[in-house]
Every structure is written in structure tokens, then in C-alpha cells.
């Protein structure tokens, strides 16, 4: 690590530093105790705070102004960008390139301006003597506590290259899993939306034309046909009310989901009970749990901290509560596999593999294998769902369109009796 630091210092002296003036919005209290706020330019957040303190201002809140404008220009930093960045840092550190020089190279070559600014800021902080993990913590939106804790453990062990490699693997696996889950949820949503659109078109434009023809018959219509025509009348007369009610319900649900834990928990429980999709989400939660715990345990973080990180990354309230229950039991001295069995959430195979890992002293390896098993199962399940979706759409649309067609043609079959 000492050699790396010497190489870093030598390269820093020779390489041009990448510095970007950033705009910070701040609020605080002046020497007279009066509230004050404003904007200022600085190269780093630390420099901005220091400048304000020198002016006798007690800083209450400070943030980068540019962060709120990232999405406006379509240049926002996405999770996949962080995964790619982590892999690039890992590769260059493994090749012997010092961290500061790595960040300078990446800051100068990245296609996204927000990423260039962020990397330049982090690079400047590290050059000023701030540890990398602390410099990363200034951007919690992109580098969460787990990421920074892992980097901190790498600083203490002197193996930043190995730690960044572990983080890169973790991020890549997490993003791949997230992509598969989005794909799995997209298919059922597609079927539902297509079915609703086709049904609405038929009820609003096709059925009314048949209704005009049937009125000229002057005969009594079959019950099924009358039901479809009445439904068409309702949709035509109250479509604006129905659409408004649907929008209000969606808005209320989203608002409640964001603010009420009970709504979030209820939604997570309901989703896990859904056919096909629920099974995929269960496997994904288990994969996240095992992958996160394996990464933190192998990096040297305490098991208790690893369980907290795993609970946060599980993506489902049912598993989050179960993992926190496991953490509490482990803190009291219980073995992890026993604590997991008491939750009645984890499959027996997972519990058995973790028990073997605890007994053999290779818990991180066993957790990695569990994560690999469930990631593969999620992959297979999503592929199977992909192959099912086309016939499923045909069946759903066939039932809807076929049912409406039958309803419209039933009176025509009786046309002969009406003519006689």
C-alpha cells in the first residue's frame, strides 16, 4: 500500500489535475444569528464548507446545484454507469495504475459530464488526503453505505484492487438481476395493457355499429349480446369518469405506497403470492440476500453489518423483516442457519448450505454458490416466461375478441327466424 501511495504521489505531481468548478447552494446562520442563504462556486464540497466557515457562517444545509439538473439534460448517472465505473477502477488498479491516476483518466474520458465532474471532485478530495471511502460518501445517491464500507475495508487491509473487483462483481450481478426482474414484470403488464386497449376499442367503436344494426331487426337479443351492448353503453357514457377514477386510484396508491409502510408491506406480500411472477421475485430476493452477504463477509465486514446490508438490498418487505429478525437472533448468539429456520421464509436447501458453510468455515463460498443457483433460476424462469408470453397474449386476446365477436353474431344466427 505504501508503494502504491508513493506511485500515486509521483504521478499526481506529473499529471495535470482535472478540476471542475461546481456551484453549491447553501443555507446557514451568520455571526449575528440571522438566517442566510446563497450560492457559491468551489472545486469540492469540503472547500465550499471551509470557505463559508471562514466567513463566519454556520452551515445548516449545502448541496450541489448541478445535481438537481442532471436528469434535465438526459445525462443522469445510472446504476449501470456505477457498475461499469467500478469494473474500470478494478481493472486499472489490478494493472498497477494508482487510484488517483485512475480517477483522473476516467474523469477525462467519460462521455457523461456529471460523471466527469463527480470523478474530478472525488479525485481532488483524495489528493487532499481524504480517504477514498470518505470521498465517495459525499455522493450517497451513487455510492451507498455498503459500497463505501467495502472500500473502507479495502483501505484498512491494503487490498483496494481486490475489494473493487468484489464490488464490481456484486454491482454487475445486481444490475443483471434487476434487468431480469424488470423483464419479468414487463411481460404481464404488456398483456394487461394490450387486452384493455383492444377491449376499449371494440366497446367504443365496433359494438355500437352492431347495436344500430340490431335495432333495425326489431327482435329480442340474446342475453349475452344485451350484456355486451349494455357494457358498451356504459363505457361510451362514462369513459371520462372511469378514466378519471382509474387515474385517481393510481395516484392515491402511489402516494400511499411512498408514505405508508403498511401499504408497501402489503404490496410486497401480495406480489410474492402472484403466479409465476411471485416465484421469480422470491428467487431474486434470495439471490440478492446471498450475494450481498457473500460480498460483505468475504470483504471482512462483520456479519451483523452484512445482514443489515442484505436486508436493505433484498427488495421485498417480507425478506427484509426476516433478515432483520435473523440479525437480531445472531446478535443474541444464535447460529445463522438456526435463526433463518425460525423465520419460515428461507428454503431448506439454503439453510442447509449455510449450515455447512458455518461448520466448515467457508460461509462466503457457500453464500456465493447459493446466489449463483438462484440467479440462474431467475434467468431460466424469465426465459421461460418470455417463451410463454406470445401464446399467452394470443389466448387473452382470443378470449376477449372471440367473446365479443360471438356476442355480436348470436343475433345474426337468429336472423332467419326473424325474417319468417
Protein backbone atom coordinates (compact mmCIF):
# COMPACT_ATOMS: atom_id res chain seq x y z
CA UNK A 1 0.00 0.00 0.00
CA UNK A 2 2.93 2.34 0.81
CA UNK A 3 4.42 1.71 -2.63
CA UNK A 4 1.07 2.47 -4.26
CA UNK A 5 0.84 5.73 -2.32
CA UNK A 6 4.34 6.74 -3.44
CA UNK A 7 3.46 5.98 -7.05
CA UNK A 8 0.24 7.95 -6.62
CA UNK A 9 2.14 10.98 -5.30
CA UNK A 10 4.68 10.80 -8.11
CA UNK A 11 2.05 10.54 -10.80
CA UNK A 12 -0.02 13.31 -9.20
CA UNK A 13 2.94 15.67 -9.49
CA UNK A 14 3.42 14.93 -13.18
CA UNK A 15 -0.18 14.58 -14.37
CA UNK A 16 -2.41 17.62 -14.96
CA UNK A 17 -5.13 17.69 -12.37
CA UNK A 18 -8.72 17.54 -13.55
CA UNK A 19 -10.62 20.23 -11.61
CA UNK A 20 -14.11 21.45 -12.23
CA UNK A 21 -15.70 24.48 -10.58
CA UNK A 22 -19.01 23.38 -9.07
CA UNK A 23 -21.91 25.52 -7.89
CA UNK A 24 -23.21 24.87 -4.36
CA UNK A 25 -26.50 26.07 -2.87
CA UNK A 26 -26.24 26.66 0.87
CA UNK A 27 -28.16 27.97 3.86
CA UNK A 28 -26.98 28.75 7.38
CA UNK A 29 -26.66 31.36 10.12
CA UNK A 30 -24.28 34.34 10.14
CA UNK A 31 -22.35 35.81 13.10
CA UNK A 32 -25.41 37.77 14.23
CA UNK A 33 -27.54 34.66 14.35
CA UNK A 34 -29.56 35.65 11.30
CA UNK A 35 -30.58 33.05 8.72
CA UNK A 36 -28.76 33.48 5.43
CA UNK A 37 -28.52 31.56 2.16
CA UNK A 38 -26.94 31.80 -1.25
CA UNK A 39 -24.86 30.17 -3.96
CA UNK A 40 -21.11 29.83 -4.33
CA UNK A 41 -18.52 28.20 -6.57
CA UNK A 42 -15.92 25.76 -5.30
CA UNK A 43 -13.98 22.77 -6.55
CA UNK A 44 -15.17 20.44 -3.76
CA UNK A 45 -17.86 20.22 -1.12
CA UNK A 46 -15.21 20.38 1.62
CA UNK A 47 -13.74 23.54 0.12
CA UNK A 48 -17.19 25.15 -0.05
CA UNK A 49 -17.83 24.38 3.63
CA UNK A 50 -14.41 25.67 4.60
CA UNK A 51 -14.93 28.95 2.70
CA UNK A 52 -18.27 29.50 4.43
CA UNK A 53 -16.81 28.77 7.84
CA UNK A 54 -14.02 31.29 7.21
CA UNK A 55 -16.76 33.86 6.52
CA UNK A 56 -18.24 33.15 9.95
CA UNK A 57 -21.25 31.25 8.62
CA UNK A 58 -22.62 28.20 10.42
CA UNK A 59 -23.66 25.91 7.59
CA UNK A 60 -27.03 24.20 8.05
CA UNK A 61 -27.52 22.75 4.59
CA UNK A 62 -25.40 22.62 1.45
CA UNK A 63 -25.79 20.74 -1.81
CA UNK A 64 -24.53 20.82 -5.36
CA UNK A 65 -26.83 22.80 -7.61
CA UNK A 66 -25.88 20.80 -10.68
CA UNK A 67 -27.19 17.53 -9.19
CA UNK A 68 -30.80 18.69 -9.49
CA UNK A 69 -30.28 19.42 -13.20
CA UNK A 70 -28.72 16.10 -14.25
CA UNK A 71 -31.90 14.48 -15.43
CA UNK A 72 -32.97 17.63 -17.33
CA UNK A 73 -30.25 17.10 -19.90
CA UNK A 74 -30.52 13.32 -20.04
CA UNK A 75 -27.06 12.98 -18.50
CA UNK A 76 -28.02 11.47 -15.18
CA UNK A 77 -25.72 8.85 -13.68
CA UNK A 78 -27.43 5.46 -13.70
CA UNK A 79 -26.67 2.39 -11.53
CA UNK A 80 -25.22 0.61 -14.55
CA UNK A 81 -22.79 3.53 -15.00
CA UNK A 82 -21.54 2.96 -11.45
CA UNK A 83 -21.17 -0.77 -12.13
CA UNK A 84 -19.11 -0.08 -15.26
CA UNK A 85 -17.05 2.56 -13.43
CA UNK A 86 -16.29 0.11 -10.62
CA UNK A 87 -15.14 -2.52 -13.10
CA UNK A 88 -12.88 0.04 -14.82
CA UNK A 89 -11.35 1.08 -11.48
CA UNK A 90 -10.81 -2.56 -10.54
CA UNK A 91 -9.13 -3.36 -13.86
CA UNK A 92 -6.78 -0.37 -13.71
CA UNK A 93 -5.86 -0.95 -10.05
CA UNK A 94 -5.10 -4.60 -10.81
CA UNK A 95 -2.87 -3.43 -13.67
CA UNK A 96 -0.88 -1.32 -11.21
CA UNK A 97 -2.29 2.12 -12.04
CA UNK A 98 -2.59 4.26 -8.86
CA UNK A 99 -6.10 5.22 -7.74
CA UNK A 100 -5.67 8.98 -8.26
CA UNK A 101 -4.32 8.49 -11.77
CA UNK A 102 -7.14 6.03 -12.48
CA UNK A 103 -9.75 8.58 -11.46
CA UNK A 104 -8.03 11.31 -13.47
CA UNK A 105 -8.04 9.14 -16.59
CA UNK A 106 -11.68 8.16 -16.15
CA UNK A 107 -12.73 11.74 -15.35
CA UNK A 108 -11.10 12.98 -18.53
CA UNK A 109 -12.57 10.34 -20.82
CA UNK A 110 -16.12 9.67 -19.59
CA UNK A 111 -18.88 10.64 -22.01
CA UNK A 112 -21.24 11.99 -19.30
CA UNK A 113 -20.48 15.41 -17.90
CA UNK A 114 -21.98 14.70 -14.42
CA UNK A 115 -19.75 11.64 -14.11
CA UNK A 116 -16.68 13.65 -15.15
CA UNK A 117 -17.49 16.32 -12.55
CA UNK A 118 -18.10 13.75 -9.81
CA UNK A 119 -14.88 11.85 -10.53
CA UNK A 120 -12.87 15.07 -10.68
CA UNK A 121 -14.29 16.10 -7.30
CA UNK A 122 -13.53 12.70 -5.74
CA UNK A 123 -10.02 12.78 -7.22
CA UNK A 124 -9.37 16.22 -5.75
CA UNK A 125 -10.58 15.09 -2.32
CA UNK A 126 -8.28 12.05 -2.36
CA UNK A 127 -5.32 14.18 -3.43
CA UNK A 128 -6.04 16.43 -0.44
CA UNK A 129 -5.55 13.44 1.86
CA UNK A 130 -9.16 12.34 2.37
CA UNK A 131 -9.59 8.52 2.30
CA UNK A 132 -11.37 7.21 -0.84
CA UNK A 133 -14.28 5.81 1.18
CA UNK A 134 -14.92 9.22 2.77
CA UNK A 135 -14.68 10.97 -0.60
CA UNK A 136 -17.23 8.54 -2.04
CA UNK A 137 -19.64 9.13 0.86
CA UNK A 138 -20.18 12.67 -0.42
CA UNK A 139 -22.25 11.09 -3.20
CA UNK A 140 -24.67 8.77 -1.34
CA UNK A 141 -27.01 8.84 -4.32
CA UNK A 142 -24.47 6.82 -6.30
CA UNK A 143 -22.28 5.17 -3.63
CA UNK A 144 -24.38 3.70 -0.84
CA UNK A 145 -23.20 2.72 2.64
CA UNK A 146 -22.42 -0.83 1.54
CA UNK A 147 -20.18 0.39 -1.28
CA UNK A 148 -18.32 2.82 0.98
CA UNK A 149 -17.97 0.29 3.82
CA UNK A 150 -16.42 -2.21 1.43
CA UNK A 151 -13.97 0.41 0.13
CA UNK A 152 -13.13 1.30 3.73
CA UNK A 153 -12.34 -2.35 4.47
CA UNK A 154 -10.08 -2.37 1.41
CA UNK A 155 -8.24 0.69 2.71
CA UNK A 156 -7.63 -0.99 6.05
CA UNK A 157 -6.44 -4.26 4.50
CA UNK A 158 -4.37 -2.58 1.78
CA UNK A 159 -6.17 -4.52 -0.97
CA UNK A 160 -8.23 -1.91 -2.79
CA UNK A 161 -7.83 -3.71 -6.12
CA UNK A 162 -9.36 -6.92 -4.72
CA UNK A 163 -12.17 -5.01 -2.99
CA UNK A 164 -13.09 -3.06 -6.13
CA UNK A 165 -13.13 -6.35 -8.02
CA UNK A 166 -15.60 -7.78 -5.48
CA UNK A 167 -17.72 -4.65 -5.63
CA UNK A 168 -17.68 -4.77 -9.44
CA UNK A 169 -18.87 -8.39 -9.44
CA UNK A 170 -21.57 -7.53 -6.90
CA UNK A 171 -22.78 -4.50 -8.89
CA UNK A 172 -22.76 -6.38 -12.20
CA UNK A 173 -24.73 -9.28 -10.72
CA UNK A 174 -27.17 -6.89 -9.03
CA UNK A 175 -27.82 -4.92 -12.22
CA UNK A 176 -28.19 -8.10 -14.28
CA UNK A 177 -30.71 -9.42 -11.76
CA UNK A 178 -32.59 -6.10 -11.73
CA UNK A 179 -32.79 -6.19 -15.53
CA UNK A 180 -34.25 -9.70 -15.44
CA UNK A 181 -36.86 -8.69 -12.84
CA UNK A 182 -37.94 -5.70 -14.95
CA UNK A 183 -38.22 -8.01 -17.93
CA UNK A 184 -40.32 -10.46 -15.93
CA UNK A 185 -42.70 -7.72 -14.74
CA UNK A 186 -42.89 -6.10 -18.19
CA UNK A 187 -44.49 -9.13 -19.84
CA UNK A 188 -47.63 -9.42 -17.65
CA UNK A 189 -48.05 -5.65 -17.82
CA UNK A 190 -47.89 -5.84 -21.61
CA UNK A 191 -50.61 -8.49 -21.73
CA UNK A 192 -52.91 -6.47 -19.45
CA UNK A 193 -52.40 -3.19 -21.32
CA UNK A 194 -52.93 -4.76 -24.76
CA UNK A 195 -56.07 -6.53 -23.53
CA UNK A 196 -57.52 -3.32 -22.07
CA UNK A 197 -56.77 -1.30 -25.22
CA UNK A 198 -58.31 -3.88 -27.56
CA UNK A 199 -61.39 -4.24 -25.35
CA UNK A 200 -61.85 -0.47 -25.14
CA UNK A 201 -61.61 -0.08 -28.95
CA UNK A 202 -64.17 -2.82 -29.53
CA UNK A 203 -66.61 -1.44 -26.96
CA UNK A 204 -66.28 2.17 -28.12
CA UNK A 205 -66.27 1.74 -31.91
CA UNK A 206 -67.22 -1.78 -33.04
CA UNK A 207 -70.08 -2.78 -30.74
CA UNK A 208 -72.07 0.48 -31.31
CA UNK A 209 -72.17 -0.24 -35.08
CA UNK A 210 -73.61 -3.68 -34.43
CA UNK A 211 -76.09 -2.14 -31.99
CA UNK A 212 -77.51 0.06 -34.78
CA UNK A 213 -77.99 -3.00 -36.99
CA UNK A 214 -79.68 -4.99 -34.23
CA UNK A 215 -82.16 -2.18 -33.53
CA UNK A 216 -83.35 -2.40 -37.14
CA UNK A 217 -84.13 -6.12 -36.61
CA UNK A 218 -86.81 -5.39 -34.05
CA UNK A 219 -86.22 -8.74 -32.36
CA UNK A 220 -85.21 -9.64 -28.81
CA UNK A 221 -81.45 -10.07 -28.46
CA UNK A 222 -79.70 -12.94 -26.62
CA UNK A 223 -78.73 -12.23 -23.01
CA UNK A 224 -75.00 -12.35 -23.76
CA UNK A 225 -75.39 -9.83 -26.58
CA UNK A 226 -77.50 -7.50 -24.40
CA UNK A 227 -74.85 -7.66 -21.68
CA UNK A 228 -72.06 -6.66 -24.10
CA UNK A 229 -74.16 -3.84 -25.61
CA UNK A 230 -75.05 -2.50 -22.14
CA UNK A 231 -71.37 -2.60 -21.22
CA UNK A 232 -70.61 -0.66 -24.41
CA UNK A 233 -73.22 1.97 -23.48
CA UNK A 234 -71.69 2.36 -20.03
CA UNK A 235 -68.19 2.78 -21.44
CA UNK A 236 -69.38 5.32 -24.03
CA UNK A 237 -71.37 7.34 -21.50
CA UNK A 238 -68.92 7.27 -18.58
CA UNK A 239 -65.49 6.70 -20.13
CA UNK A 240 -64.22 10.02 -18.79
CA UNK A 241 -65.45 9.15 -15.30
CA UNK A 242 -63.92 5.67 -15.47
CA UNK A 243 -60.62 7.04 -16.75
CA UNK A 244 -60.60 9.73 -14.05
CA UNK A 245 -61.37 7.21 -11.33
CA UNK A 246 -58.54 4.97 -12.57
CA UNK A 247 -56.08 7.88 -12.55
CA UNK A 248 -57.15 8.91 -9.04
CA UNK A 249 -56.81 5.34 -7.76
CA UNK A 250 -53.32 5.05 -9.24
CA UNK A 251 -52.32 8.41 -7.76
CA UNK A 252 -53.69 7.52 -4.30
CA UNK A 253 -51.95 4.15 -4.37
CA UNK A 254 -48.58 5.63 -5.39
CA UNK A 255 -48.90 8.35 -2.73
CA UNK A 256 -49.83 5.78 -0.07
CA UNK A 257 -47.05 3.42 -1.18
CA UNK A 258 -44.44 6.12 -0.73
CA UNK A 259 -45.68 7.32 2.65
CA UNK A 260 -47.22 4.29 4.38
CA UNK A 261 -45.12 1.29 5.35
CA UNK A 262 -48.22 -0.89 5.72
CA UNK A 263 -49.12 -0.31 2.06
CA UNK A 264 -45.60 -1.19 0.92
CA UNK A 265 -45.54 -4.31 3.06
CA UNK A 266 -48.98 -5.39 1.86
CA UNK A 267 -47.95 -4.87 -1.76
CA UNK A 268 -44.77 -6.91 -1.32
CA UNK A 269 -46.72 -9.78 0.29
CA UNK A 270 -49.32 -9.72 -2.48
CA UNK A 271 -46.69 -9.73 -5.24
CA UNK A 272 -44.99 -12.80 -3.77
CA UNK A 273 -48.30 -14.69 -4.00
CA UNK A 274 -48.76 -13.99 -7.71
CA UNK A 275 -48.36 -17.00 -10.01
CA UNK A 276 -45.07 -17.23 -11.93
CA UNK A 277 -44.01 -13.63 -11.18
CA UNK A 278 -44.16 -14.21 -7.41
CA UNK A 279 -41.82 -17.19 -7.70
CA UNK A 280 -39.35 -15.17 -9.75
CA UNK A 281 -39.34 -12.36 -7.19
CA UNK A 282 -38.80 -14.83 -4.33
CA UNK A 283 -35.77 -16.29 -6.08
CA UNK A 284 -34.48 -12.79 -6.82
CA UNK A 285 -34.76 -11.78 -3.15
CA UNK A 286 -32.84 -14.91 -2.09
CA UNK A 287 -30.18 -14.23 -4.73
CA UNK A 288 -29.74 -10.62 -3.52
CA UNK A 289 -29.55 -11.75 0.10
CA UNK A 290 -26.90 -14.40 -0.58
CA UNK A 291 -24.87 -12.24 -2.99
CA UNK A 292 -24.77 -9.24 -0.63
CA UNK A 293 -23.89 -11.34 2.41
CA UNK A 294 -21.21 -13.23 0.49
CA UNK A 295 -19.61 -9.99 -0.70
CA UNK A 296 -19.58 -8.31 2.71
CA UNK A 297 -18.39 -11.44 4.54
CA UNK A 298 -15.54 -12.04 2.07
CA UNK A 299 -14.51 -8.38 2.34
CA UNK A 300 -14.10 -8.70 6.09
CA UNK A 301 -17.16 -6.76 7.25
CA UNK A 302 -18.82 -8.06 10.43
CA UNK A 303 -21.70 -10.47 9.86
CA UNK A 304 -24.11 -8.14 11.69
CA UNK A 305 -23.31 -5.28 9.30
CA UNK A 306 -23.56 -7.65 6.36
CA UNK A 307 -27.06 -8.72 7.42
CA UNK A 308 -28.16 -5.07 7.60
CA UNK A 309 -26.87 -4.52 4.06
CA UNK A 310 -28.53 -7.74 2.88
CA UNK A 311 -31.85 -6.67 4.39
CA UNK A 312 -31.67 -3.35 2.56
CA UNK A 313 -30.85 -4.98 -0.76
CA UNK A 314 -33.45 -7.79 -0.59
CA UNK A 315 -36.05 -5.66 -2.40
CA UNK A 316 -39.03 -7.11 -0.54
CA UNK A 317 -40.54 -6.31 2.86
CA UNK A 318 -41.15 -9.98 3.71
CA UNK A 319 -37.48 -10.88 3.31
CA UNK A 320 -36.27 -7.59 4.75
CA UNK A 321 -38.10 -8.27 8.02
CA UNK A 322 -36.98 -11.90 8.03
CA UNK A 323 -33.31 -10.91 7.55
CA UNK A 324 -33.52 -8.30 10.33
CA UNK A 325 -35.01 -10.99 12.56
CA UNK A 326 -32.06 -13.23 11.70
CA UNK A 327 -29.70 -10.37 12.58
CA UNK A 328 -31.31 -9.92 16.00
CA UNK A 329 -31.06 -13.65 16.72
CA UNK A 330 -27.42 -13.77 15.59
CA UNK A 331 -26.62 -10.83 17.88
CA UNK A 332 -28.02 -12.85 20.78
CA UNK A 333 -25.65 -15.74 19.98
CA UNK A 334 -27.76 -18.00 17.76
CA UNK A 335 -26.24 -19.62 14.68
CA UNK A 336 -27.36 -18.01 11.43
CA UNK A 337 -28.84 -21.18 9.93
CA UNK A 338 -30.94 -21.76 13.06
CA UNK A 339 -32.12 -18.15 13.04
CA UNK A 340 -33.05 -18.45 9.36
CA UNK A 341 -35.12 -21.57 10.03
CA UNK A 342 -37.18 -19.77 12.70
CA UNK A 343 -38.36 -17.18 10.14
CA UNK A 344 -40.04 -19.89 7.99
CA UNK A 345 -39.18 -17.83 4.89
CA UNK A 346 -35.96 -19.38 3.61
CA UNK A 347 -35.97 -22.69 1.67
CA UNK A 348 -34.46 -25.71 3.38
CA UNK A 349 -31.75 -26.01 0.73
CA UNK A 350 -30.48 -22.50 1.53
CA UNK A 351 -30.50 -23.21 5.26
CA UNK A 352 -28.60 -26.48 4.80
CA UNK A 353 -25.92 -24.88 2.61
CA UNK A 354 -25.39 -22.06 5.10
CA UNK A 355 -25.19 -24.58 7.94
CA UNK A 356 -22.44 -26.43 6.03
CA UNK A 357 -20.67 -23.13 5.38
CA UNK A 358 -20.76 -22.18 9.06
CA UNK A 359 -19.45 -25.58 10.15
CA UNK A 360 -16.68 -25.69 7.52
CA UNK A 361 -15.65 -22.04 7.85
CA UNK A 362 -16.45 -21.28 4.22
CA UNK A 363 -19.63 -19.28 4.64
CA UNK A 364 -18.76 -16.72 1.94
CA UNK A 365 -18.16 -19.50 -0.60
CA UNK A 366 -21.45 -21.22 0.24
CA UNK A 367 -23.36 -17.94 0.05
CA UNK A 368 -21.79 -17.27 -3.34
CA UNK A 369 -22.94 -20.68 -4.56
CA UNK A 370 -26.47 -20.05 -3.24
CA UNK A 371 -26.53 -16.71 -5.05
CA UNK A 372 -25.35 -18.37 -8.27
CA UNK A 373 -28.05 -21.05 -8.03
CA UNK A 374 -30.89 -18.57 -7.59
CA UNK A 375 -29.56 -16.12 -10.17
CA UNK A 376 -29.55 -18.97 -12.67
CA UNK A 377 -33.08 -19.96 -11.64
CA UNK A 378 -34.27 -16.38 -12.14
CA UNK A 379 -32.62 -16.34 -15.56
CA UNK A 380 -34.28 -19.62 -16.55
CA UNK A 381 -37.68 -18.50 -15.22
CA UNK A 382 -37.55 -15.21 -17.14
CA UNK A 383 -36.56 -17.05 -20.33
CA UNK A 384 -39.46 -19.45 -19.81
CA UNK A 385 -41.81 -16.52 -19.26
CA UNK A 386 -40.51 -14.92 -22.44
CA UNK A 387 -41.38 -18.02 -24.44
CA UNK A 388 -44.83 -18.15 -22.84
CA UNK A 389 -45.79 -14.55 -23.41
CA UNK A 390 -46.65 -14.74 -27.13
CA UNK A 391 -49.13 -17.62 -26.81
CA UNK A 392 -50.45 -16.03 -23.60
CA UNK A 393 -51.19 -12.77 -25.42
CA UNK A 394 -52.90 -14.73 -28.20
CA UNK A 395 -55.05 -16.63 -25.70
CA UNK A 396 -56.07 -13.50 -23.76
CA UNK A 397 -56.87 -11.52 -26.91
CA UNK A 398 -58.58 -14.57 -28.40
CA UNK A 399 -60.89 -14.86 -25.41
CA UNK A 400 -61.71 -11.14 -25.39
CA UNK A 401 -62.09 -10.64 -29.11
CA UNK A 402 -63.70 -14.05 -29.63
CA UNK A 403 -66.19 -13.43 -26.84
CA UNK A 404 -67.20 -10.06 -28.26
CA UNK A 405 -67.47 -11.48 -31.79
CA UNK A 406 -69.68 -14.32 -30.59
CA UNK A 407 -71.86 -11.85 -28.70
CA UNK A 408 -72.29 -9.75 -31.86
CA UNK A 409 -73.03 -12.67 -34.17
CA UNK A 410 -75.51 -14.54 -31.97
CA UNK A 411 -78.44 -12.35 -33.17
CA UNK A 412 -77.41 -12.88 -36.81
CA UNK A 413 -77.78 -16.63 -36.31
CA UNK A 414 -81.43 -15.95 -35.40
CA UNK A 415 -81.94 -13.68 -38.38
CA UNK A 416 -83.71 -16.43 -40.31
CA UNK A 417 -86.42 -16.81 -37.65
CA UNK A 418 -86.93 -13.01 -37.57
CA UNK A 419 -87.44 -12.87 -41.37
CA UNK A 420 -90.03 -15.68 -41.24
